[in-house]
Amino acid sequence: MKVKTEGRDLFLEDEEVLGGATSFISPLSLPYLLDGIVPQIAAAVDGDPATPVVRASYPAPPS
């Protein structure tokens, strides 16, 4: 698929903090999720294949 060859795909893994936030949607996790995923979606759909889709990197929450 063209989206894959251009690096415009977006995959959130459960092991990642951001990926985990998609599994437990709550009033507290939603702003966190949106802050991390919106820039990735914007980069993926900007129409320029040269724009890298950079994964969000958040520190893990304290245990």
N, C-alpha and C. Protein backbone atom coordinates (compact mmCIF):
# COMPACT_ATOMS: atom_id res chain seq x y z
N MET A 1 0.83 -1.17 0.00
CA MET A 1 0.00 0.00 0.00
C MET A 1 0.88 1.24 0.00
N LYS A 2 0.42 2.25 -0.69
CA LYS A 2 1.18 3.48 -0.80
C LYS A 2 1.43 4.12 0.57
N VAL A 3 0.44 4.07 1.43
CA VAL A 3 0.59 4.67 2.76
C VAL A 3 1.75 4.03 3.54
N LYS A 4 1.93 2.74 3.38
CA LYS A 4 3.02 2.04 4.07
C LYS A 4 4.37 2.36 3.45
N THR A 5 4.44 2.35 2.12
CA THR A 5 5.72 2.61 1.46
C THR A 5 6.20 4.04 1.68
N GLU A 6 5.27 4.97 1.89
CA GLU A 6 5.63 6.37 2.15
C GLU A 6 5.86 6.64 3.64
N GLY A 7 5.65 5.63 4.48
CA GLY A 7 5.84 5.83 5.92
C GLY A 7 4.77 6.68 6.55
N ARG A 8 3.54 6.63 6.02
CA ARG A 8 2.46 7.46 6.51
C ARG A 8 1.48 6.67 7.37
N ASP A 9 1.90 5.47 7.82
CA ASP A 9 1.04 4.67 8.67
C ASP A 9 1.25 5.04 10.14
N LEU A 10 0.28 4.75 10.93
CA LEU A 10 0.33 5.08 12.35
C LEU A 10 -0.10 3.84 13.13
N PHE A 11 0.78 3.35 13.97
CA PHE A 11 0.50 2.15 14.73
C PHE A 11 0.85 2.40 16.19
N LEU A 12 -0.13 2.20 17.06
CA LEU A 12 0.09 2.38 18.49
C LEU A 12 0.13 1.01 19.15
N GLU A 13 1.21 0.72 19.82
CA GLU A 13 1.35 -0.58 20.47
C GLU A 13 0.84 -0.51 21.91
N ASP A 14 0.27 -1.60 22.37
CA ASP A 14 -0.26 -1.64 23.74
C ASP A 14 0.82 -1.42 24.78
N GLU A 15 2.05 -1.83 24.47
CA GLU A 15 3.14 -1.69 25.44
C GLU A 15 3.56 -0.24 25.62
N GLU A 16 3.22 0.61 24.66
CA GLU A 16 3.56 2.03 24.75
C GLU A 16 2.53 2.74 25.63
N VAL A 17 2.95 3.78 26.30
CA VAL A 17 2.05 4.54 27.15
C VAL A 17 0.92 5.13 26.31
N LEU A 18 1.23 5.68 25.17
CA LEU A 18 0.20 6.27 24.32
C LEU A 18 -0.76 5.21 23.79
N GLY A 19 -0.23 4.06 23.41
CA GLY A 19 -1.08 2.97 22.95
C GLY A 19 -1.99 2.46 24.06
N GLY A 20 -1.46 2.40 25.26
CA GLY A 20 -2.27 1.99 26.41
C GLY A 20 -3.39 2.96 26.71
N ALA A 21 -3.16 4.23 26.42
CA ALA A 21 -4.19 5.25 26.66
C ALA A 21 -5.39 5.05 25.75
N THR A 22 -5.23 4.35 24.63
CA THR A 22 -6.37 4.08 23.76
C THR A 22 -7.25 2.97 24.33
N SER A 23 -6.71 2.15 25.20
CA SER A 23 -7.48 1.05 25.78
C SER A 23 -8.29 1.48 26.99
N PHE A 24 -7.86 2.52 27.64
CA PHE A 24 -8.51 2.96 28.88
C PHE A 24 -8.94 4.42 28.74
N ILE A 25 -9.88 4.65 27.83
CA ILE A 25 -10.35 6.02 27.59
C ILE A 25 -11.12 6.50 28.82
N SER A 26 -10.68 7.63 29.35
CA SER A 26 -11.33 8.25 30.49
C SER A 26 -11.15 9.76 30.37
N PRO A 27 -11.83 10.53 31.18
CA PRO A 27 -11.62 11.99 31.15
C PRO A 27 -10.17 12.38 31.44
N LEU A 28 -9.44 11.52 32.15
CA LEU A 28 -8.04 11.82 32.46
C LEU A 28 -7.09 11.40 31.34
N SER A 29 -7.39 10.30 30.66
CA SER A 29 -6.48 9.82 29.62
C SER A 29 -6.72 10.48 28.26
N LEU A 30 -7.91 10.99 28.01
CA LEU A 30 -8.22 11.55 26.70
C LEU A 30 -7.34 12.75 26.33
N PRO A 31 -7.14 13.74 27.19
CA PRO A 31 -6.23 14.84 26.82
C PRO A 31 -4.81 14.35 26.55
N TYR A 32 -4.35 13.40 27.33
CA TYR A 32 -3.01 12.82 27.15
C TYR A 32 -2.91 12.15 25.78
N LEU A 33 -3.93 11.36 25.44
CA LEU A 33 -3.97 10.67 24.15
C LEU A 33 -4.00 11.67 23.01
N LEU A 34 -4.86 12.67 23.10
CA LEU A 34 -4.98 13.64 22.01
C LEU A 34 -3.71 14.46 21.82
N ASP A 35 -3.06 14.83 22.92
CA ASP A 35 -1.80 15.57 22.81
C ASP A 35 -0.74 14.77 22.07
N GLY A 36 -0.76 13.46 22.22
CA GLY A 36 0.24 12.62 21.58
C GLY A 36 -0.11 12.19 20.18
N ILE A 37 -1.40 11.95 19.91
CA ILE A 37 -1.77 11.36 18.62
C ILE A 37 -2.08 12.40 17.55
N VAL A 38 -2.58 13.56 17.93
CA VAL A 38 -2.94 14.58 16.93
C VAL A 38 -1.74 15.01 16.08
N PRO A 39 -0.56 15.27 16.66
CA PRO A 39 0.58 15.63 15.81
C PRO A 39 0.98 14.50 14.85
N GLN A 40 0.84 13.25 15.29
CA GLN A 40 1.17 12.13 14.43
C GLN A 40 0.19 12.04 13.26
N ILE A 41 -1.09 12.21 13.55
CA ILE A 41 -2.11 12.16 12.48
C ILE A 41 -1.90 13.32 11.52
N ALA A 42 -1.63 14.51 12.04
CA ALA A 42 -1.42 15.67 11.17
C ALA A 42 -0.24 15.44 10.23
N ALA A 43 0.84 14.87 10.73
CA ALA A 43 2.01 14.58 9.88
C ALA A 43 1.68 13.52 8.84
N ALA A 44 0.87 12.54 9.22
CA ALA A 44 0.54 11.45 8.30
C ALA A 44 -0.36 11.89 7.15
N VAL A 45 -1.19 12.90 7.38
CA VAL A 45 -2.17 13.30 6.36
C VAL A 45 -1.86 14.64 5.71
N ASP A 46 -0.67 15.18 5.93
CA ASP A 46 -0.36 16.50 5.38
C ASP A 46 -0.14 16.52 3.87
N GLY A 47 -0.09 15.35 3.24
CA GLY A 47 0.06 15.28 1.79
C GLY A 47 1.49 15.31 1.30
N ASP A 48 2.45 15.45 2.20
CA ASP A 48 3.85 15.50 1.82
C ASP A 48 4.55 14.24 2.31
N PRO A 49 4.89 13.31 1.41
CA PRO A 49 5.56 12.08 1.83
C PRO A 49 6.89 12.31 2.53
N ALA A 50 7.49 13.49 2.38
CA ALA A 50 8.78 13.76 3.02
C ALA A 50 8.62 14.08 4.51
N THR A 51 7.41 14.36 4.96
CA THR A 51 7.19 14.67 6.37
C THR A 51 7.25 13.39 7.18
N PRO A 52 8.17 13.30 8.13
CA PRO A 52 8.25 12.06 8.94
C PRO A 52 7.09 12.01 9.94
N VAL A 53 6.55 10.83 10.14
CA VAL A 53 5.54 10.61 11.17
C VAL A 53 6.28 10.10 12.39
N VAL A 54 6.54 11.00 13.31
CA VAL A 54 7.35 10.68 14.49
C VAL A 54 6.44 10.18 15.60
N ARG A 55 6.83 9.06 16.18
CA ARG A 55 6.04 8.50 17.29
C ARG A 55 6.21 9.39 18.52
N ALA A 56 5.13 9.53 19.25
CA ALA A 56 5.19 10.30 20.50
C ALA A 56 6.05 9.55 21.49
N SER A 57 6.85 10.28 22.22
CA SER A 57 7.67 9.64 23.25
C SER A 57 7.39 10.31 24.57
N TYR A 58 6.67 9.61 25.39
CA TYR A 58 6.33 10.11 26.71
C TYR A 58 7.04 9.24 27.73
N PRO A 59 7.43 9.82 28.82
CA PRO A 59 7.98 8.96 29.88
C PRO A 59 6.86 8.10 30.46
N ALA A 60 7.20 6.93 30.88
CA ALA A 60 6.21 6.05 31.50
C ALA A 60 5.74 6.67 32.82
N PRO A 61 4.46 6.53 33.13
CA PRO A 61 3.98 7.06 34.41
C PRO A 61 4.63 6.31 35.57
N PRO A 62 4.73 6.94 36.72
CA PRO A 62 5.35 6.26 37.87
C PRO A 62 4.56 5.02 38.26
N SER A 63 5.27 4.01 38.70
CA SER A 63 4.62 2.74 39.08
C SER A 63 4.10 2.82 40.50
